[in-house]
Amino acid sequence: MGLLETFRLAVDVVAFACRVVYVGYAKREVCYDTTHFVRKELDIRGSRNGLRVFPAVIKMLETRRQPFLDLITKVYPFDEVEQALQDWDTAPEEYAKILIDLKT
C-alpha cells in the first residue's frame, strides 16, 4: 500500500514527456492537479505484475549492474547530430538507441 504523497510526488518530479508507472495501490483516493499531465505530456500507467520483475531489479541494483548501457548502439558528439539522424534513417534496424553527447 502506497502513501498518497508518493503517488503525487511521482507526477511532480518526473521529467517532461516521461512515464509514471504505479505498482500497487494508495491507501485512499488520490487527487491530482491534472494540468501536470497535459503540460508535462505524461504517460501514467498502472502495473499489476511488478512483483515478478522486482527480484531481478533489486539484484541488479545490489550488484550495481547497469544493463541499460548495453542498449546504446552508438554515441555521437553534439556536432554530429545530422550524421546520427542520417545513419539511423538509412538503417533503423541496426540501432536500438542513439546517444547524443552534449558535453562535446
PDB file of N, CA and C in Angstrom:
ATOM      1  N   MET A   1       0.837  -1.175   0.000  1.00  0.00           N
ATOM      2  CA  MET A   1       0.000   0.000   0.000  1.00  0.00           C
ATOM      3  C   MET A   1       0.885   1.243   0.000  1.00  0.00           C
ATOM      4  N   GLY A   2       0.613   2.140  -0.922  1.00  0.00           N
ATOM      5  CA  GLY A   2       1.407   3.345  -1.053  1.00  0.00           C
ATOM      6  C   GLY A   2       0.798   4.541  -0.356  1.00  0.00           C
ATOM      7  N   LEU A   3       1.626   5.526  -0.109  1.00  0.00           N
ATOM      8  CA  LEU A   3       1.180   6.779   0.503  1.00  0.00           C
ATOM      9  C   LEU A   3       0.676   7.726  -0.583  1.00  0.00           C
ATOM     10  N   LEU A   4      -0.336   8.503  -0.268  1.00  0.00           N
ATOM     11  CA  LEU A   4      -0.872   9.483  -1.215  1.00  0.00           C
ATOM     12  C   LEU A   4       0.224  10.417  -1.711  1.00  0.00           C
ATOM     13  N   GLU A   5       1.081  10.837  -0.803  1.00  0.00           N
ATOM     14  CA  GLU A   5       2.141  11.776  -1.146  1.00  0.00           C
ATOM     15  C   GLU A   5       3.087  11.194  -2.190  1.00  0.00           C
ATOM     16  N   THR A   6       3.359   9.903  -2.111  1.00  0.00           N
ATOM     17  CA  THR A   6       4.265   9.261  -3.058  1.00  0.00           C
ATOM     18  C   THR A   6       3.663   9.249  -4.459  1.00  0.00           C
ATOM     19  N   PHE A   7       2.378   8.990  -4.555  1.00  0.00           N
ATOM     20  CA  PHE A   7       1.706   8.982  -5.854  1.00  0.00           C
ATOM     21  C   PHE A   7       1.756  10.371  -6.492  1.00  0.00           C
ATOM     22  N   ARG A   8       1.486  11.407  -5.696  1.00  0.00           N
ATOM     23  CA  ARG A   8       1.516  12.773  -6.225  1.00  0.00           C
ATOM     24  C   ARG A   8       2.942  13.224  -6.515  1.00  0.00           C
ATOM     25  N   LEU A   9       3.876  12.855  -5.664  1.00  0.00           N
ATOM     26  CA  LEU A   9       5.267  13.249  -5.854  1.00  0.00           C
ATOM     27  C   LEU A   9       5.828  12.696  -7.168  1.00  0.00           C
ATOM     28  N   ALA A  10       5.441  11.495  -7.527  1.00  0.00           N
ATOM     29  CA  ALA A  10       5.914  10.901  -8.783  1.00  0.00           C
ATOM     30  C   ALA A  10       5.546  11.786  -9.968  1.00  0.00           C
ATOM     31  N   VAL A  11       4.350  12.328  -9.966  1.00  0.00           N
ATOM     32  CA  VAL A  11       3.898  13.207 -11.049  1.00  0.00           C
ATOM     33  C   VAL A  11       4.621  14.553 -10.972  1.00  0.00           C
ATOM     34  N   ASP A  12       4.870  15.043  -9.773  1.00  0.00           N
ATOM     35  CA  ASP A  12       5.539  16.335  -9.609  1.00  0.00           C
ATOM     36  C   ASP A  12       6.991  16.305 -10.081  1.00  0.00           C
ATOM     37  N   VAL A  13       7.713  15.228  -9.796  1.00  0.00           N
ATOM     38  CA  VAL A  13       9.155  15.217 -10.054  1.00  0.00           C
ATOM     39  C   VAL A  13       9.560  14.589 -11.380  1.00  0.00           C
ATOM     40  N   VAL A  14       8.658  13.864 -12.037  1.00  0.00           N
ATOM     41  CA  VAL A  14       9.034  13.230 -13.292  1.00  0.00           C
ATOM     42  C   VAL A  14       9.303  14.305 -14.354  1.00  0.00           C
ATOM     43  N   ALA A  15      10.242  14.014 -15.242  1.00  0.00           N
ATOM     44  CA  ALA A  15      10.601  14.952 -16.303  1.00  0.00           C
ATOM     45  C   ALA A  15       9.489  15.047 -17.345  1.00  0.00           C
ATOM     46  N   PHE A  16       9.584  16.042 -18.183  1.00  0.00           N
ATOM     47  CA  PHE A  16       8.603  16.232 -19.252  1.00  0.00           C
ATOM     48  C   PHE A  16       8.660  15.056 -20.231  1.00  0.00           C
ATOM     49  N   ALA A  17       7.511  14.708 -20.774  1.00  0.00           N
ATOM     50  CA  ALA A  17       7.362  13.654 -21.787  1.00  0.00           C
ATOM     51  C   ALA A  17       7.858  12.296 -21.281  1.00  0.00           C
ATOM     52  N   CYS A  18       7.641  12.009 -20.018  1.00  0.00           N
ATOM     53  CA  CYS A  18       8.067  10.735 -19.434  1.00  0.00           C
ATOM     54  C   CYS A  18       6.856   9.916 -18.988  1.00  0.00           C
ATOM     55  N   ARG A  19       7.140   8.781 -18.407  1.00  0.00           N
ATOM     56  CA  ARG A  19       6.094   7.858 -17.962  1.00  0.00           C
ATOM     57  C   ARG A  19       6.210   7.629 -16.462  1.00  0.00           C
ATOM     58  N   VAL A  20       5.061   7.633 -15.802  1.00  0.00           N
ATOM     59  CA  VAL A  20       4.969   7.268 -14.385  1.00  0.00           C
ATOM     60  C   VAL A  20       4.237   5.931 -14.341  1.00  0.00           C
ATOM     61  N   VAL A  21       4.839   4.945 -13.699  1.00  0.00           N
ATOM     62  CA  VAL A  21       4.204   3.632 -13.567  1.00  0.00           C
ATOM     63  C   VAL A  21       3.982   3.371 -12.083  1.00  0.00           C
ATOM     64  N   TYR A  22       2.724   3.146 -11.731  1.00  0.00           N
ATOM     65  CA  TYR A  22       2.377   2.848 -10.355  1.00  0.00           C
ATOM     66  C   TYR A  22       2.246   1.343 -10.182  1.00  0.00           C
ATOM     67  N   VAL A  23       2.914   0.826  -9.166  1.00  0.00           N
ATOM     68  CA  VAL A  23       2.807  -0.581  -8.800  1.00  0.00           C
ATOM     69  C   VAL A  23       2.187  -0.593  -7.407  1.00  0.00           C
ATOM     70  N   GLY A  24       1.030  -1.163  -7.291  1.00  0.00           N
ATOM     71  CA  GLY A  24       0.342  -1.170  -6.008  1.00  0.00           C
ATOM     72  C   GLY A  24      -0.723  -0.098  -5.947  1.00  0.00           C
ATOM     73  N   TYR A  25      -1.274   0.090  -4.775  1.00  0.00           N
ATOM     74  CA  TYR A  25      -2.420   0.965  -4.583  1.00  0.00           C
ATOM     75  C   TYR A  25      -2.135   1.963  -3.478  1.00  0.00           C
ATOM     76  N   ALA A  26      -2.815   3.101  -3.548  1.00  0.00           N
ATOM     77  CA  ALA A  26      -2.766   4.070  -2.467  1.00  0.00           C
ATOM     78  C   ALA A  26      -3.739   3.627  -1.375  1.00  0.00           C
ATOM     79  N   LYS A  27      -3.505   4.099  -0.167  1.00  0.00           N
ATOM     80  CA  LYS A  27      -4.390   3.740   0.945  1.00  0.00           C
ATOM     81  C   LYS A  27      -5.757   4.404   0.821  1.00  0.00           C
ATOM     82  N   ARG A  28      -5.784   5.583   0.172  1.00  0.00           N
ATOM     83  CA  ARG A  28      -7.037   6.321  -0.035  1.00  0.00           C
ATOM     84  C   ARG A  28      -7.040   6.856  -1.460  1.00  0.00           C
ATOM     85  N   GLU A  29      -8.130   7.486  -1.833  1.00  0.00           N
ATOM     86  CA  GLU A  29      -8.245   8.089  -3.157  1.00  0.00           C
ATOM     87  C   GLU A  29      -7.191   9.180  -3.316  1.00  0.00           C
ATOM     88  N   VAL A  30      -6.548   9.228  -4.469  1.00  0.00           N
ATOM     89  CA  VAL A  30      -5.519  10.224  -4.754  1.00  0.00           C
ATOM     90  C   VAL A  30      -6.106  11.277  -5.687  1.00  0.00           C
ATOM     91  N   CYS A  31      -5.942  12.548  -5.318  1.00  0.00           N
ATOM     92  CA  CYS A  31      -6.403  13.652  -6.155  1.00  0.00           C
ATOM     93  C   CYS A  31      -5.187  14.349  -6.758  1.00  0.00           C
ATOM     94  N   TYR A  32      -5.293  14.701  -8.038  1.00  0.00           N
ATOM     95  CA  TYR A  32      -4.194  15.324  -8.770  1.00  0.00           C
ATOM     96  C   TYR A  32      -4.618  16.644  -9.376  1.00  0.00           C
ATOM     97  N   ASP A  33      -3.648  17.512  -9.570  1.00  0.00           N
ATOM     98  CA  ASP A  33      -3.815  18.684 -10.422  1.00  0.00           C
ATOM     99  C   ASP A  33      -3.504  18.191 -11.832  1.00  0.00           C
ATOM    100  N   THR A  34      -4.513  17.991 -12.633  1.00  0.00           N
ATOM    101  CA  THR A  34      -4.324  17.360 -13.946  1.00  0.00           C
ATOM    102  C   THR A  34      -3.574  18.232 -14.945  1.00  0.00           C
ATOM    103  N   THR A  35      -3.338  19.498 -14.613  1.00  0.00           N
ATOM    104  CA  THR A  35      -2.551  20.319 -15.542  1.00  0.00           C
ATOM    105  C   THR A  35      -1.149  19.760 -15.715  1.00  0.00           C
ATOM    106  N   HIS A  36      -0.624  19.072 -14.704  1.00  0.00           N
ATOM    107  CA  HIS A  36       0.698  18.442 -14.832  1.00  0.00           C
ATOM    108  C   HIS A  36       0.691  17.396 -15.945  1.00  0.00           C
ATOM    109  N   PHE A  37      -0.373  16.641 -16.030  1.00  0.00           N
ATOM    110  CA  PHE A  37      -0.455  15.584 -17.045  1.00  0.00           C
ATOM    111  C   PHE A  37      -0.332  16.166 -18.441  1.00  0.00           C
ATOM    112  N   VAL A  38      -1.033  17.268 -18.673  1.00  0.00           N
ATOM    113  CA  VAL A  38      -1.062  17.872 -20.005  1.00  0.00           C
ATOM    114  C   VAL A  38       0.214  18.663 -20.274  1.00  0.00           C
ATOM    115  N   ARG A  39       0.586  19.537 -19.353  1.00  0.00           N
ATOM    116  CA  ARG A  39       1.768  20.385 -19.571  1.00  0.00           C
ATOM    117  C   ARG A  39       3.044  19.563 -19.703  1.00  0.00           C
ATOM    118  N   LYS A  40       3.154  18.515 -18.919  1.00  0.00           N
ATOM    119  CA  LYS A  40       4.352  17.677 -18.977  1.00  0.00           C
ATOM    120  C   LYS A  40       4.246  16.564 -20.020  1.00  0.00           C
ATOM    121  N   GLU A  41       3.079  16.415 -20.630  1.00  0.00           N
ATOM    122  CA  GLU A  41       2.838  15.349 -21.612  1.00  0.00           C
ATOM    123  C   GLU A  41       3.207  13.988 -21.021  1.00  0.00           C
ATOM    124  N   LEU A  42       2.611  13.683 -19.880  1.00  0.00           N
ATOM    125  CA  LEU A  42       2.944  12.458 -19.153  1.00  0.00           C
ATOM    126  C   LEU A  42       2.137  11.262 -19.634  1.00  0.00           C
ATOM    127  N   ASP A  43       2.741  10.122 -19.471  1.00  0.00           N
ATOM    128  CA  ASP A  43       2.088   8.844 -19.703  1.00  0.00           C
ATOM    129  C   ASP A  43       1.981   8.195 -18.319  1.00  0.00           C
ATOM    130  N   ILE A  44       0.774   8.025 -17.810  1.00  0.00           N
ATOM    131  CA  ILE A  44       0.552   7.469 -16.474  1.00  0.00           C
ATOM    132  C   ILE A  44       0.000   6.061 -16.637  1.00  0.00           C
ATOM    133  N   ARG A  45       0.637   5.086 -15.997  1.00  0.00           N
ATOM    134  CA  ARG A  45       0.205   3.697 -16.131  1.00  0.00           C
ATOM    135  C   ARG A  45       0.208   2.993 -14.778  1.00  0.00           C
ATOM    136  N   GLY A  46      -0.518   1.916 -14.743  1.00  0.00           N
ATOM    137  CA  GLY A  46      -0.508   1.033 -13.583  1.00  0.00           C
ATOM    138  C   GLY A  46       0.094  -0.295 -13.985  1.00  0.00           C
ATOM    139  N   SER A  47       0.656  -0.999 -13.021  1.00  0.00           N
ATOM    140  CA  SER A  47       1.255  -2.299 -13.298  1.00  0.00           C
ATOM    141  C   SER A  47       0.823  -3.280 -12.217  1.00  0.00           C
ATOM    142  N   ARG A  48       0.342  -4.425 -12.650  1.00  0.00           N
ATOM    143  CA  ARG A  48      -0.090  -5.428 -11.679  1.00  0.00           C
ATOM    144  C   ARG A  48       0.867  -6.602 -11.581  1.00  0.00           C
ATOM    145  N   ASN A  49       1.881  -6.647 -12.450  1.00  0.00           N
ATOM    146  CA  ASN A  49       2.801  -7.781 -12.454  1.00  0.00           C
ATOM    147  C   ASN A  49       4.220  -7.395 -12.044  1.00  0.00           C
ATOM    148  N   GLY A  50       4.364  -6.285 -11.366  1.00  0.00           N
ATOM    149  CA  GLY A  50       5.681  -5.821 -10.966  1.00  0.00           C
ATOM    150  C   GLY A  50       6.414  -6.768 -10.042  1.00  0.00           C
ATOM    151  N   LEU A  51       5.690  -7.542  -9.257  1.00  0.00           N
ATOM    152  CA  LEU A  51       6.348  -8.433  -8.295  1.00  0.00           C
ATOM    153  C   LEU A  51       7.175  -9.503  -8.985  1.00  0.00           C
ATOM    154  N   ARG A  52       6.848  -9.841 -10.207  1.00  0.00           N
ATOM    155  CA  ARG A  52       7.642 -10.830 -10.950  1.00  0.00           C
ATOM    156  C   ARG A  52       8.985 -10.248 -11.375  1.00  0.00           C
ATOM    157  N   VAL A  53       9.032  -8.954 -11.607  1.00  0.00           N
ATOM    158  CA  VAL A  53      10.235  -8.292 -12.100  1.00  0.00           C
ATOM    159  C   VAL A  53      11.104  -7.774 -10.958  1.00  0.00           C
ATOM    160  N   PHE A  54      10.510  -7.385  -9.858  1.00  0.00           N
ATOM    161  CA  PHE A  54      11.247  -6.746  -8.774  1.00  0.00           C
ATOM    162  C   PHE A  54      12.462  -7.521  -8.281  1.00  0.00           C
ATOM    163  N   PRO A  55      12.399  -8.839  -8.074  1.00  0.00           N
ATOM    164  CA  PRO A  55      13.596  -9.523  -7.592  1.00  0.00           C
ATOM    165  C   PRO A  55      14.800  -9.335  -8.521  1.00  0.00           C
ATOM    166  N   ALA A  56      14.588  -9.365  -9.825  1.00  0.00           N
ATOM    167  CA  ALA A  56      15.698  -9.172 -10.766  1.00  0.00           C
ATOM    168  C   ALA A  56      16.209  -7.731 -10.711  1.00  0.00           C
ATOM    169  N   VAL A  57      15.309  -6.782 -10.573  1.00  0.00           N
ATOM    170  CA  VAL A  57      15.705  -5.375 -10.492  1.00  0.00           C
ATOM    171  C   VAL A  57      16.482  -5.120  -9.206  1.00  0.00           C
ATOM    172  N   ILE A  58      16.020  -5.661  -8.106  1.00  0.00           N
ATOM    173  CA  ILE A  58      16.718  -5.494  -6.828  1.00  0.00           C
ATOM    174  C   ILE A  58      18.115  -6.095  -6.899  1.00  0.00           C
ATOM    175  N   LYS A  59      18.231  -7.272  -7.495  1.00  0.00           N
ATOM    176  CA  LYS A  59      19.555  -7.909  -7.648  1.00  0.00           C
ATOM    177  C   LYS A  59      20.469  -7.040  -8.513  1.00  0.00           C
ATOM    178  N   MET A  60      19.926  -6.474  -9.594  1.00  0.00           N
ATOM    179  CA  MET A  60      20.708  -5.600 -10.460  1.00  0.00           C
ATOM    180  C   MET A  60      21.218  -4.396  -9.677  1.00  0.00           C
ATOM    181  N   LEU A  61      20.364  -3.805  -8.849  1.00  0.00           N
ATOM    182  CA  LEU A  61      20.782  -2.655  -8.053  1.00  0.00           C
ATOM    183  C   LEU A  61      21.824  -3.041  -7.009  1.00  0.00           C
ATOM    184  N   GLU A  62      21.643  -4.192  -6.373  1.00  0.00           N
ATOM    185  CA  GLU A  62      22.592  -4.655  -5.355  1.00  0.00           C
ATOM    186  C   GLU A  62      23.976  -4.915  -5.946  1.00  0.00           C
ATOM    187  N   THR A  63      24.026  -5.458  -7.150  1.00  0.00           N
ATOM    188  CA  THR A  63      25.314  -5.764  -7.783  1.00  0.00           C
ATOM    189  C   THR A  63      25.861  -4.591  -8.582  1.00  0.00           C
ATOM    190  N   ARG A  64      25.082  -3.505  -8.596  1.00  0.00           N
ATOM    191  CA  ARG A  64      25.450  -2.287  -9.325  1.00  0.00           C
ATOM    192  C   ARG A  64      25.643  -2.540 -10.824  1.00  0.00           C
ATOM    193  N   ARG A  65      24.959  -3.536 -11.341  1.00  0.00           N
ATOM    194  CA  ARG A  65      24.996  -3.831 -12.766  1.00  0.00           C
ATOM    195  C   ARG A  65      24.056  -2.866 -13.484  1.00  0.00           C
ATOM    196  N   GLN A  66      24.495  -2.347 -14.601  1.00  0.00           N
ATOM    197  CA  GLN A  66      23.702  -1.378 -15.353  1.00  0.00           C
ATOM    198  C   GLN A  66      23.514  -1.859 -16.791  1.00  0.00           C
ATOM    199  N   PRO A  67      22.645  -2.834 -17.013  1.00  0.00           N
ATOM    200  CA  PRO A  67      22.500  -3.378 -18.367  1.00  0.00           C
ATOM    201  C   PRO A  67      21.888  -2.398 -19.356  1.00  0.00           C
ATOM    202  N   PHE A  68      21.277  -1.330 -18.864  1.00  0.00           N
ATOM    203  CA  PHE A  68      20.678  -0.364 -19.790  1.00  0.00           C
ATOM    204  C   PHE A  68      21.719   0.303 -20.661  1.00  0.00           C
ATOM    205  N   LEU A  69      22.981   0.332 -20.212  1.00  0.00           N
ATOM    206  CA  LEU A  69      24.038   0.911 -21.040  1.00  0.00           C
ATOM    207  C   LEU A  69      24.279   0.072 -22.295  1.00  0.00           C
ATOM    208  N   ASP A  70      23.958  -1.227 -22.226  1.00  0.00           N
ATOM    209  CA  ASP A  70      24.115  -2.098 -23.388  1.00  0.00           C
ATOM    210  C   ASP A  70      23.129  -1.758 -24.500  1.00  0.00           C
ATOM    211  N   LEU A  71      22.088  -1.020 -24.180  1.00  0.00           N
ATOM    212  CA  LEU A  71      21.084  -0.662 -25.178  1.00  0.00           C
ATOM    213  C   LEU A  71      21.544   0.445 -26.114  1.00  0.00           C
ATOM    214  N   ILE A  72      22.576   1.186 -25.741  1.00  0.00           N
ATOM    215  CA  ILE A  72      23.057   2.289 -26.564  1.00  0.00           C
ATOM    216  C   ILE A  72      23.909   1.716 -27.684  1.00  0.00           C
ATOM    217  N   THR A  73      23.433   1.883 -28.912  1.00  0.00           N
ATOM    218  CA  THR A  73      24.129   1.349 -30.071  1.00  0.00           C
ATOM    219  C   THR A  73      25.344   2.184 -30.424  1.00  0.00           C
ATOM    220  N   LYS A  74      25.184   3.503 -30.393  1.00  0.00           N
ATOM    221  CA  LYS A  74      26.289   4.383 -30.773  1.00  0.00           C
ATOM    222  C   LYS A  74      26.125   5.734 -30.106  1.00  0.00           C
ATOM    223  N   VAL A  75      27.265   6.340 -29.766  1.00  0.00           N
ATOM    224  CA  VAL A  75      27.293   7.673 -29.168  1.00  0.00           C
ATOM    225  C   VAL A  75      27.868   8.645 -30.200  1.00  0.00           C
ATOM    226  N   TYR A  76      27.153   9.721 -30.442  1.00  0.00           N
ATOM    227  CA  TYR A  76      27.596  10.753 -31.361  1.00  0.00           C
ATOM    228  C   TYR A  76      27.839  12.044 -30.586  1.00  0.00           C
ATOM    229  N   PRO A  77      28.884  12.792 -30.934  1.00  0.00           N
ATOM    230  CA  PRO A  77      29.034  14.113 -30.329  1.00  0.00           C
ATOM    231  C   PRO A  77      27.951  15.041 -30.865  1.00  0.00           C
ATOM    232  N   PHE A  78      27.673  16.097 -30.138  1.00  0.00           N
ATOM    233  CA  PHE A  78      26.588  17.003 -30.492  1.00  0.00           C
ATOM    234  C   PHE A  78      26.723  17.560 -31.914  1.00  0.00           C
ATOM    235  N   ASP A  79      27.949  17.833 -32.324  1.00  0.00           N
ATOM    236  CA  ASP A  79      28.130  18.422 -33.659  1.00  0.00           C
ATOM    237  C   ASP A  79      27.917  17.408 -34.791  1.00  0.00           C
ATOM    238  N   GLU A  80      27.612  16.148 -34.449  1.00  0.00           N
ATOM    239  CA  GLU A  80      27.326  15.128 -35.466  1.00  0.00           C
ATOM    240  C   GLU A  80      25.872  14.642 -35.414  1.00  0.00           C
ATOM    241  N   VAL A  81      24.979  15.478 -34.883  1.00  0.00           N
ATOM    242  CA  VAL A  81      23.566  15.112 -34.792  1.00  0.00           C
ATOM    243  C   VAL A  81      22.999  14.786 -36.169  1.00  0.00           C
ATOM    244  N   GLU A  82      23.329  15.614 -37.156  1.00  0.00           N
ATOM    245  CA  GLU A  82      22.813  15.376 -38.504  1.00  0.00           C
ATOM    246  C   GLU A  82      23.255  14.004 -39.025  1.00  0.00           C
ATOM    247  N   GLN A  83      24.513  13.649 -38.792  1.00  0.00           N
ATOM    248  CA  GLN A  83      25.014  12.339 -39.220  1.00  0.00           C
ATOM    249  C   GLN A  83      24.311  11.210 -38.467  1.00  0.00           C
ATOM    250  N   ALA A  84      24.072  11.399 -37.185  1.00  0.00           N
ATOM    251  CA  ALA A  84      23.374  10.387 -36.385  1.00  0.00           C
ATOM    252  C   ALA A  84      21.993  10.113 -36.962  1.00  0.00           C
ATOM    253  N   LEU A  85      21.269  11.167 -37.291  1.00  0.00           N
ATOM    254  CA  LEU A  85      19.929  11.003 -37.849  1.00  0.00           C
ATOM    255  C   LEU A  85      19.971  10.359 -39.230  1.00  0.00           C
ATOM    256  N   GLN A  86      20.961  10.703 -40.027  1.00  0.00           N
ATOM    257  CA  GLN A  86      21.108  10.075 -41.349  1.00  0.00           C
ATOM    258  C   GLN A  86      21.418   8.593 -41.214  1.00  0.00           C
ATOM    259  N   ASP A  87      22.335   8.252 -40.297  1.00  0.00           N
ATOM    260  CA  ASP A  87      22.679   6.839 -40.077  1.00  0.00           C
ATOM    261  C   ASP A  87      21.459   6.044 -39.639  1.00  0.00           C
ATOM    262  N   TRP A  88      20.710   6.613 -38.708  1.00  0.00           N
ATOM    263  CA  TRP A  88      19.508   5.942 -38.217  1.00  0.00           C
ATOM    264  C   TRP A  88      18.465   5.799 -39.320  1.00  0.00           C
ATOM    265  N   ASP A  89      18.304   6.845 -40.139  1.00  0.00           N
ATOM    266  CA  ASP A  89      17.331   6.810 -41.221  1.00  0.00           C
ATOM    267  C   ASP A  89      17.714   5.775 -42.278  1.00  0.00           C
ATOM    268  N   THR A  90      19.002   5.610 -42.510  1.00  0.00           N
ATOM    269  CA  THR A  90      19.477   4.666 -43.517  1.00  0.00           C
ATOM    270  C   THR A  90      19.285   3.220 -43.078  1.00  0.00           C
ATOM    271  N   ALA A  91      19.509   2.931 -41.797  1.00  0.00           N
ATOM    272  CA  ALA A  91      19.423   1.548 -41.299  1.00  0.00           C
ATOM    273  C   ALA A  91      18.836   1.515 -39.895  1.00  0.00           C
ATOM    274  N   PRO A  92      17.558   1.825 -39.744  1.00  0.00           N
ATOM    275  CA  PRO A  92      16.964   1.895 -38.397  1.00  0.00           C
ATOM    276  C   PRO A  92      17.010   0.572 -37.644  1.00  0.00           C
ATOM    277  N   GLU A  93      17.016  -0.535 -38.347  1.00  0.00           N
ATOM    278  CA  GLU A  93      17.052  -1.843 -37.674  1.00  0.00           C
ATOM    279  C   GLU A  93      18.386  -2.109 -36.975  1.00  0.00           C
ATOM    280  N   GLU A  94      19.403  -1.335 -37.293  1.00  0.00           N
ATOM    281  CA  GLU A  94      20.718  -1.522 -36.681  1.00  0.00           C
ATOM    282  C   GLU A  94      20.904  -0.725 -35.392  1.00  0.00           C
ATOM    283  N   TYR A  95      19.915   0.084 -35.037  1.00  0.00           N
ATOM    284  CA  TYR A  95      20.045   0.958 -33.873  1.00  0.00           C
ATOM    285  C   TYR A  95      18.945   0.702 -32.857  1.00  0.00           C
ATOM    286  N   ALA A  96      19.358   0.410 -31.628  1.00  0.00           N
ATOM    287  CA  ALA A  96      18.403   0.328 -30.531  1.00  0.00           C
ATOM    288  C   ALA A  96      18.235   1.735 -29.946  1.00  0.00           C
ATOM    289  N   LYS A  97      19.356   2.357 -29.593  1.00  0.00           N
ATOM    290  CA  LYS A  97      19.350   3.718 -29.050  1.00  0.00           C
ATOM    291  C   LYS A  97      20.580   4.459 -29.572  1.00  0.00           C
ATOM    292  N   ILE A  98      20.381   5.707 -29.892  1.00  0.00           N
ATOM    293  CA  ILE A  98      21.486   6.599 -30.243  1.00  0.00           C
ATOM    294  C   ILE A  98      21.576   7.630 -29.135  1.00  0.00           C
ATOM    295  N   LEU A  99      22.776   7.853 -28.646  1.00  0.00           N
ATOM    296  CA  LEU A  99      23.000   8.848 -27.593  1.00  0.00           C
ATOM    297  C   LEU A  99      23.748  10.025 -28.194  1.00  0.00           C
ATOM    298  N   ILE A 100      23.237  11.220 -27.969  1.00  0.00           N
ATOM    299  CA  ILE A 100      23.927  12.434 -28.391  1.00  0.00           C
ATOM    300  C   ILE A 100      24.621  13.025 -27.177  1.00  0.00           C
ATOM    301  N   ASP A 101      25.935  13.083 -27.239  1.00  0.00           N
ATOM    302  CA  ASP A 101      26.747  13.597 -26.125  1.00  0.00           C
ATOM    303  C   ASP A 101      26.790  15.115 -26.198  1.00  0.00           C
ATOM    304  N   LEU A 102      26.140  15.768 -25.265  1.00  0.00           N
ATOM    305  CA  LEU A 102      26.084  17.236 -25.258  1.00  0.00           C
ATOM    306  C   LEU A 102      27.328  17.879 -24.690  1.00  0.00           C
ATOM    307  N   LYS A 103      28.211  17.087 -24.120  1.00  0.00           N
ATOM    308  CA  LYS A 103      29.412  17.643 -23.492  1.00  0.00           C
ATOM    309  C   LYS A 103      30.489  17.977 -24.513  1.00  0.00           C
ATOM    310  N   THR A 104      30.411  17.396 -25.692  1.00  0.00           N
ATOM    311  CA  THR A 104      31.480  17.622 -26.680  1.00  0.00           C
ATOM    312  C   THR A 104      31.205  18.812 -27.549  1.00  0.00           C
TER     313      THR A 104
END
